[in-house]
Protein backbone atom coordinates (compact mmCIF):
# COMPACT_ATOMS: atom_id res chain seq x y z
CA MET A 1 0.00 0.00 0.00
CA SER A 2 2.80 2.40 0.88
CA ILE A 3 4.48 1.74 -2.46
CA GLN A 4 1.23 2.44 -4.31
CA ARG A 5 0.73 5.70 -2.41
CA SER A 6 4.26 6.85 -3.16
CA LEU A 7 3.73 6.06 -6.84
CA LYS A 8 0.49 8.07 -6.85
CA THR A 9 2.09 11.07 -5.12
CA GLY A 10 5.02 10.81 -7.53
CA THR A 11 2.73 10.84 -10.54
CA LYS A 12 0.91 13.87 -9.11
CA LYS A 13 4.12 15.81 -8.44
CA ALA A 14 5.59 15.10 -11.88
CA PRO A 15 3.24 17.48 -13.80
CA GLN A 16 3.77 20.18 -11.15
CA MET A 17 7.55 19.84 -11.39
CA PHE A 18 7.36 19.97 -15.19
CA LEU A 19 5.16 23.09 -15.02
CA SER A 20 7.55 24.78 -12.59
CA LEU A 21 10.51 23.89 -14.77
CA PHE A 22 8.71 25.27 -17.82
CA ARG A 23 8.00 28.55 -15.97
CA TYR A 24 11.65 28.92 -14.96
CA VAL A 25 12.79 28.29 -18.52
CA ILE A 26 10.40 30.96 -19.83
CA LEU A 27 11.46 33.47 -17.16
CA ILE A 28 15.16 32.86 -17.74
CA GLY A 29 14.62 33.24 -21.48
CA LEU A 30 12.78 36.54 -21.02
CA ILE A 31 15.43 37.85 -18.64
CA PHE A 32 18.18 36.99 -21.11
CA TYR A 33 16.22 38.58 -23.97
CA ILE A 34 15.81 41.80 -21.98
CA LEU A 35 19.32 41.96 -20.53
CA TYR A 36 21.23 40.79 -23.62
CA PRO A 37 21.44 44.24 -25.30
CA PHE A 38 22.53 45.89 -22.05
CA ILE A 39 25.18 43.24 -21.30
CA PHE A 40 26.52 43.43 -24.86
CA MET A 41 26.66 47.23 -24.64
CA LEU A 42 28.41 47.11 -21.25
CA VAL A 43 31.04 44.62 -22.45
CA SER A 44 31.66 46.48 -25.72
CA ALA A 45 32.12 49.85 -24.05
CA PHE A 46 35.14 48.65 -22.08
CA ARG A 47 36.68 46.53 -24.86
CA ASP A 48 40.12 47.35 -26.21
CA GLN A 49 40.68 47.62 -29.96
CA SER A 50 43.06 44.66 -29.91
CA ASP A 51 40.21 42.42 -28.69
CA LEU A 52 38.24 43.26 -31.82
CA LEU A 53 40.76 41.34 -33.90
CA ASP A 54 40.79 38.34 -31.57
CA PRO A 55 38.12 35.78 -32.64
CA SER A 56 38.32 34.06 -29.24
CA VAL A 57 36.96 37.17 -27.47
CA VAL A 58 33.18 37.13 -27.54
CA TRP A 59 31.73 38.06 -24.16
CA ILE A 60 34.58 38.33 -21.67
CA THR A 61 36.95 41.12 -22.61
CA ARG A 62 40.62 40.37 -21.97
CA ARG A 63 41.85 43.96 -21.95
CA PHE A 64 39.55 46.42 -20.23
CA THR A 65 40.05 50.07 -21.11
CA LEU A 66 38.48 53.46 -20.49
CA LYS A 67 39.97 54.93 -23.65
CA ASN A 68 36.72 54.40 -25.55
CA PHE A 69 34.98 56.99 -23.39
CA SER A 70 37.64 59.63 -23.95
CA GLU A 71 37.64 58.93 -27.69
CA PHE A 72 33.87 59.24 -27.83
CA LEU A 73 33.90 62.54 -25.94
CA LYS A 74 36.50 63.90 -28.37
CA LEU A 75 34.33 63.14 -31.39
CA VAL A 76 30.97 64.29 -29.98
CA ASP A 77 30.03 67.41 -28.02
CA PHE A 78 28.30 65.23 -25.46
CA ASN A 79 28.41 67.68 -22.55
CA ASP A 80 26.22 70.16 -24.43
CA ILE A 81 23.75 67.43 -25.39
CA LEU A 82 23.66 66.02 -21.85
CA GLY A 83 23.20 69.46 -20.27
CA ARG A 84 20.32 70.39 -22.60
CA THR A 85 18.57 67.06 -22.01
CA ALA A 86 19.05 67.27 -18.24
CA LEU A 87 17.61 70.79 -18.18
CA ILE A 88 14.50 69.75 -20.11
CA SER A 89 13.98 66.51 -18.19
CA LEU A 90 14.63 67.79 -14.67
CA CYS A 91 12.61 71.00 -15.03
CA SER A 92 9.74 69.19 -16.74
CA ALA A 93 9.75 66.54 -14.00
CA PHE A 94 9.66 69.25 -11.31
CA PHE A 95 6.76 71.13 -12.89
CA GLN A 96 4.77 67.99 -13.67
CA THR A 97 5.24 66.60 -10.16
CA PHE A 98 3.85 69.81 -8.65
CA VAL A 99 1.11 70.72 -11.16
CA CYS A 100 -0.23 67.19 -11.73
CA GLY A 101 -0.35 66.58 -7.98
CA LEU A 102 -2.49 69.66 -7.40
CA THR A 103 -4.79 68.72 -10.28
CA GLY A 104 -5.10 65.11 -9.15
CA TYR A 105 -6.02 66.22 -5.64
CA GLY A 106 -8.76 68.43 -7.04
CA PHE A 107 -10.26 65.53 -9.00
CA ALA A 108 -10.01 63.22 -6.00
CA ARG A 109 -11.47 65.39 -3.23
CA PHE A 110 -13.62 68.18 -4.70
CA ASN A 111 -16.99 68.11 -6.43
CA PHE A 112 -17.66 70.76 -9.06
CA LYS A 113 -19.70 71.19 -12.19
CA GLY A 114 -18.37 69.36 -15.20
CA LYS A 115 -16.03 67.21 -13.12
CA LYS A 116 -16.93 63.97 -14.92
CA ILE A 117 -16.63 65.60 -18.35
CA LEU A 118 -13.26 67.12 -17.54
CA PHE A 119 -12.00 63.83 -16.17
CA ALA A 120 -13.21 62.05 -19.31
CA LEU A 121 -11.29 64.58 -21.43
CA LEU A 122 -8.28 63.96 -19.24
CA ILE A 123 -8.47 60.23 -19.93
CA PHE A 124 -8.94 61.04 -23.61
CA THR A 125 -5.59 62.88 -23.67
CA MET A 126 -3.91 59.64 -22.60
CA ILE A 127 -4.98 57.82 -25.76
CA VAL A 128 -4.52 60.60 -28.34
CA PRO A 129 -1.23 60.07 -30.22
CA PRO A 130 1.07 63.12 -30.31
CA GLN A 131 1.34 62.82 -34.09
CA THR A 132 -2.15 64.32 -34.37
CA TYR A 133 -1.28 67.66 -32.75
CA ILE A 134 2.50 68.06 -33.06
CA LEU A 135 2.10 70.39 -36.07
CA GLN A 136 -0.19 72.69 -34.11
CA LEU A 137 2.32 72.73 -31.24
CA PHE A 138 5.10 73.61 -33.62
CA LEU A 139 3.15 76.53 -35.10
CA LEU A 140 2.15 77.72 -31.62
CA PHE A 141 5.71 77.88 -30.31
CA ARG A 142 7.11 79.09 -33.64
CA LEU A 143 4.84 82.14 -33.44
CA PHE A 144 4.15 82.30 -29.71
CA PRO A 145 2.03 85.36 -28.82
CA VAL A 146 3.30 87.47 -25.94
CA PRO A 147 0.39 88.59 -23.71
CA PHE A 148 0.30 92.12 -22.27
CA PHE A 149 3.67 93.06 -23.80
CA GLY A 150 2.89 92.25 -27.42
CA GLY A 151 2.60 95.93 -28.44
CA LEU A 152 5.91 96.86 -26.79
CA LEU A 153 7.63 93.85 -28.36
CA GLU A 154 6.29 94.78 -31.79
CA LYS A 155 7.71 98.30 -31.46
CA LEU A 156 11.12 96.95 -30.47
CA THR A 157 11.46 93.97 -32.82
CA GLY A 158 8.73 94.52 -35.41
CA SER A 159 6.84 91.40 -34.35
CA SER A 160 4.42 90.62 -31.52
CA THR A 161 5.40 86.96 -31.41
CA VAL A 162 8.43 85.03 -30.11
CA ASN A 163 10.09 82.02 -31.69
CA MET A 164 10.61 79.36 -28.97
CA ILE A 165 11.70 76.55 -31.29
CA ASN A 166 15.15 75.10 -30.49
CA THR A 167 14.89 76.25 -26.87
CA PRO A 168 13.76 74.36 -23.72
CA LEU A 169 10.79 76.74 -23.33
CA PRO A 170 8.20 74.69 -25.27
CA PHE A 171 8.73 71.70 -22.99
CA LEU A 172 8.79 73.80 -19.82
CA PHE A 173 5.65 75.71 -20.78
CA GLN A 174 3.71 72.52 -21.39
CA ALA A 175 4.89 70.93 -18.14
CA ALA A 176 4.09 74.04 -16.08
CA LEU A 177 0.56 74.25 -17.52
CA GLY A 178 -0.27 70.56 -17.02
CA MET A 179 0.06 69.77 -20.73
CA GLY A 180 3.46 68.07 -20.66
CA LEU A 181 4.34 64.59 -21.83
CA ARG A 182 2.03 61.99 -20.19
CA SER A 183 0.53 64.60 -17.83
CA GLY A 184 -2.86 62.90 -18.08
CA LEU A 185 -1.40 59.67 -16.70
CA PHE A 186 0.37 61.52 -13.89
CA ILE A 187 -2.85 63.26 -12.85
CA TYR A 188 -4.59 59.90 -12.84
CA ILE A 189 -1.87 58.40 -10.61
CA TYR A 190 -2.24 61.24 -8.11
CA ARG A 191 -6.03 60.99 -8.18
CA GLN A 192 -5.96 57.28 -7.41
CA PHE A 193 -3.48 57.78 -4.58
CA PHE A 194 -5.38 60.64 -2.91
CA ARG A 195 -8.61 58.65 -3.13
CA SER A 196 -6.94 55.87 -1.15
CA LEU A 197 -6.08 58.19 1.75
CA PRO A 198 -8.63 58.44 4.61
CA LYS A 199 -10.81 61.55 4.62
CA GLU A 200 -10.36 61.82 8.38
CA LEU A 201 -7.01 63.52 7.74
CA GLU A 202 -8.71 66.40 5.96
CA ASN A 203 -11.60 66.55 8.42
CA ALA A 204 -9.18 66.89 11.32
CA ALA A 205 -7.32 69.65 9.47
CA ARG A 206 -10.55 71.55 8.80
CA ILE A 207 -11.46 71.35 12.48
CA ASP A 208 -8.10 72.93 13.28
CA GLY A 209 -8.93 75.77 10.87
CA SER A 210 -6.83 74.78 7.85
CA ASN A 211 -8.01 75.81 4.39
CA ALA A 212 -7.79 73.61 1.30
CA PHE A 213 -4.34 74.75 0.22
CA HIS A 214 -2.88 74.46 3.71
CA THR A 215 -4.35 70.97 4.06
CA TYR A 216 -2.93 69.89 0.74
CA PHE A 217 0.60 71.20 1.20
CA ARG A 218 1.03 70.41 4.88
CA ILE A 219 -0.88 67.14 5.26
CA MET A 220 -1.83 65.44 1.99
CA LEU A 221 1.28 66.13 -0.09
CA PRO A 222 3.78 64.72 2.47
CA ASN A 223 1.75 61.50 2.53
CA ALA A 224 1.96 61.33 -1.27
CA LEU A 225 5.75 60.91 -1.35
CA PRO A 226 5.63 57.52 -3.17
CA SER A 227 3.42 58.98 -5.90
CA MET A 228 5.61 62.07 -6.17
CA VAL A 229 8.75 59.97 -6.65
CA THR A 230 6.94 57.77 -9.18
CA VAL A 231 5.70 60.72 -11.22
CA ALA A 232 9.11 62.41 -11.08
CA MET A 233 10.82 59.21 -12.24
CA LEU A 234 8.39 58.55 -15.08
CA SER A 235 8.47 62.18 -16.21
CA MET A 236 12.26 62.22 -16.12
CA VAL A 237 12.56 58.98 -18.12
CA TRP A 238 9.92 59.82 -20.70
CA ASN A 239 11.23 63.34 -21.32
CA TRP A 240 14.74 61.92 -21.50
CA ASN A 241 13.69 59.38 -24.14
CA ASP A 242 11.22 61.55 -26.05
CA ALA A 243 12.58 61.64 -29.58
CA PHE A 244 9.39 62.53 -31.45
CA SER A 245 8.41 65.92 -30.00
CA GLN A 246 12.04 66.93 -29.48
CA SER A 247 12.79 66.29 -33.14
CA PHE A 248 10.09 68.87 -34.01
CA LEU A 249 10.50 71.43 -31.22
CA SER A 250 14.30 71.21 -30.92
CA MET A 251 15.44 70.43 -34.43
CA SER A 252 18.85 72.09 -34.52
CA LYS A 253 19.63 71.52 -30.82
CA SER A 254 20.24 67.82 -30.21
CA THR A 255 19.07 66.03 -27.09
CA ILE A 256 19.88 62.52 -25.92
CA ALA A 257 16.92 60.99 -27.76
CA THR A 258 17.56 62.75 -31.07
CA PHE A 259 21.29 62.14 -30.73
CA LEU A 260 20.80 58.39 -30.32
CA SER A 261 18.73 58.25 -33.49
CA SER A 262 21.74 59.53 -35.45
CA ILE A 263 24.64 58.48 -33.23
CA ARG A 264 26.55 56.85 -36.09
CA VAL A 265 26.40 60.01 -38.18
CA SER A 266 27.47 62.12 -35.20
CA ILE A 267 30.52 59.96 -34.51
CA THR A 268 31.65 59.71 -38.13
CA ALA A 269 31.26 63.49 -38.51
CA GLY A 270 34.04 63.92 -35.94
CA SER A 271 36.30 61.36 -37.64
CA MET A 272 35.57 60.15 -41.12
CA GLN A 273 37.61 56.94 -40.89
CA PHE A 274 38.89 54.44 -38.34
CA GLU A 275 41.80 52.03 -38.49
CA ASN A 276 39.37 49.27 -37.55
CA PRO A 277 35.81 49.75 -38.91
CA ALA A 278 34.45 47.61 -36.04
CA TYR A 279 35.70 50.25 -33.61
CA LEU A 280 32.88 52.51 -34.80
CA TYR A 281 30.37 50.13 -33.21
CA VAL A 282 32.40 50.09 -30.00
CA LEU A 283 32.13 53.88 -29.83
CA MET A 284 28.41 53.65 -30.54
CA GLN A 285 27.96 51.23 -27.64
CA THR A 286 30.03 53.54 -25.44
CA GLY A 287 27.82 56.51 -26.28
CA MET A 288 24.65 54.54 -25.63
CA LEU A 289 25.99 53.45 -22.24
CA LEU A 290 26.70 57.06 -21.30
CA CYS A 291 23.17 58.04 -22.36
CA ILE A 292 21.37 55.49 -20.18
CA THR A 293 23.65 55.63 -17.11
CA PRO A 294 21.73 58.51 -15.41
CA LEU A 295 18.45 56.61 -15.86
CA VAL A 296 19.93 53.46 -14.32
CA PHE A 297 20.98 55.37 -11.19
CA LEU A 298 17.58 57.07 -11.10
CA PHE A 299 15.82 53.70 -11.09
CA LEU A 300 18.12 52.29 -8.39
CA PHE A 301 17.34 55.32 -6.21
CA GLY A 302 13.56 55.36 -6.64
CA GLN A 303 12.54 51.74 -7.20
CA LYS A 304 11.30 51.35 -3.61
CA PHE A 305 8.90 54.30 -3.91
CA PHE A 306 7.89 53.24 -7.42
CA ILE A 307 6.81 49.78 -6.27
CA GLU A 308 4.97 51.24 -3.28
CA SER A 309 3.08 53.71 -5.46
CA VAL A 310 2.07 51.00 -7.94
CA ASP A 311 0.78 48.92 -5.05
CA LYS A 312 -1.29 51.76 -3.56
CA THR A 313 -2.70 53.24 -6.77
CA GLY A 314 -3.49 49.93 -8.44
CA LEU A 315 -1.58 51.05 -11.56
CA VAL A 316 -0.62 48.06 -13.68
CA GLY A 317 1.56 47.99 -16.80
């Protein structure tokens, strides 16, 4: 009887073990598929030119070097590109974190006429592709009207409009007015988070004589630290990687995203030929590694708050 029972339990565990093994194989395959480009880029960036001619060197580099970074920085004006991208991304993240939080709190806690319609329009902005309105944005910032001082500007320059193209101003204006990249999603994240907080916090503040703004900035906003970090991280990453709108609104001033789309041309413009043609791809991998390094450190710093915010807001995907 004991032998029969052991055989039955063994036959029952076999499908479970096979299913677990299958899951591990799928997960390991996905991890390798995701990490393979990053590992290849990391190995190539520190590879010496002599290893390029050695067919036995595939993954593990025999001669590590930092010369590739100095060579890349000689060929490309990377500091200017990095500074411009950091200015746009950091300032946009700051404005969106503040403005979207205030808007999300209004949708979560206040009742006013047209609230449902406005929220529906907000959700609608999340699904409208930017290709449908990028031309209008370009024309707006190409001939941006100056309120109140338009007459004085026309007397001084002969025009009552200002050209903001190829400057950080179009991105900063949109972020400050709640129209920046993915602002609808950020407002939704804040709304979901503030709805999860107990109303007793606000009721206690009102009893103590606090108004709505004092309650928000002194009580509600400090409790929304996970959502603030999440919105700041997402805004930073998306503005950093936004190649589409930056290619229209900052055509002659390269950013990280537009630079990566033409990194080979940028490198070869500094040096038209290399002793080893494969070294061009090493420099490309080096430049790509420099471009994503700030985002990697950003994720390592804020991953705890990001996971906590996803858990509290119910945001998936």
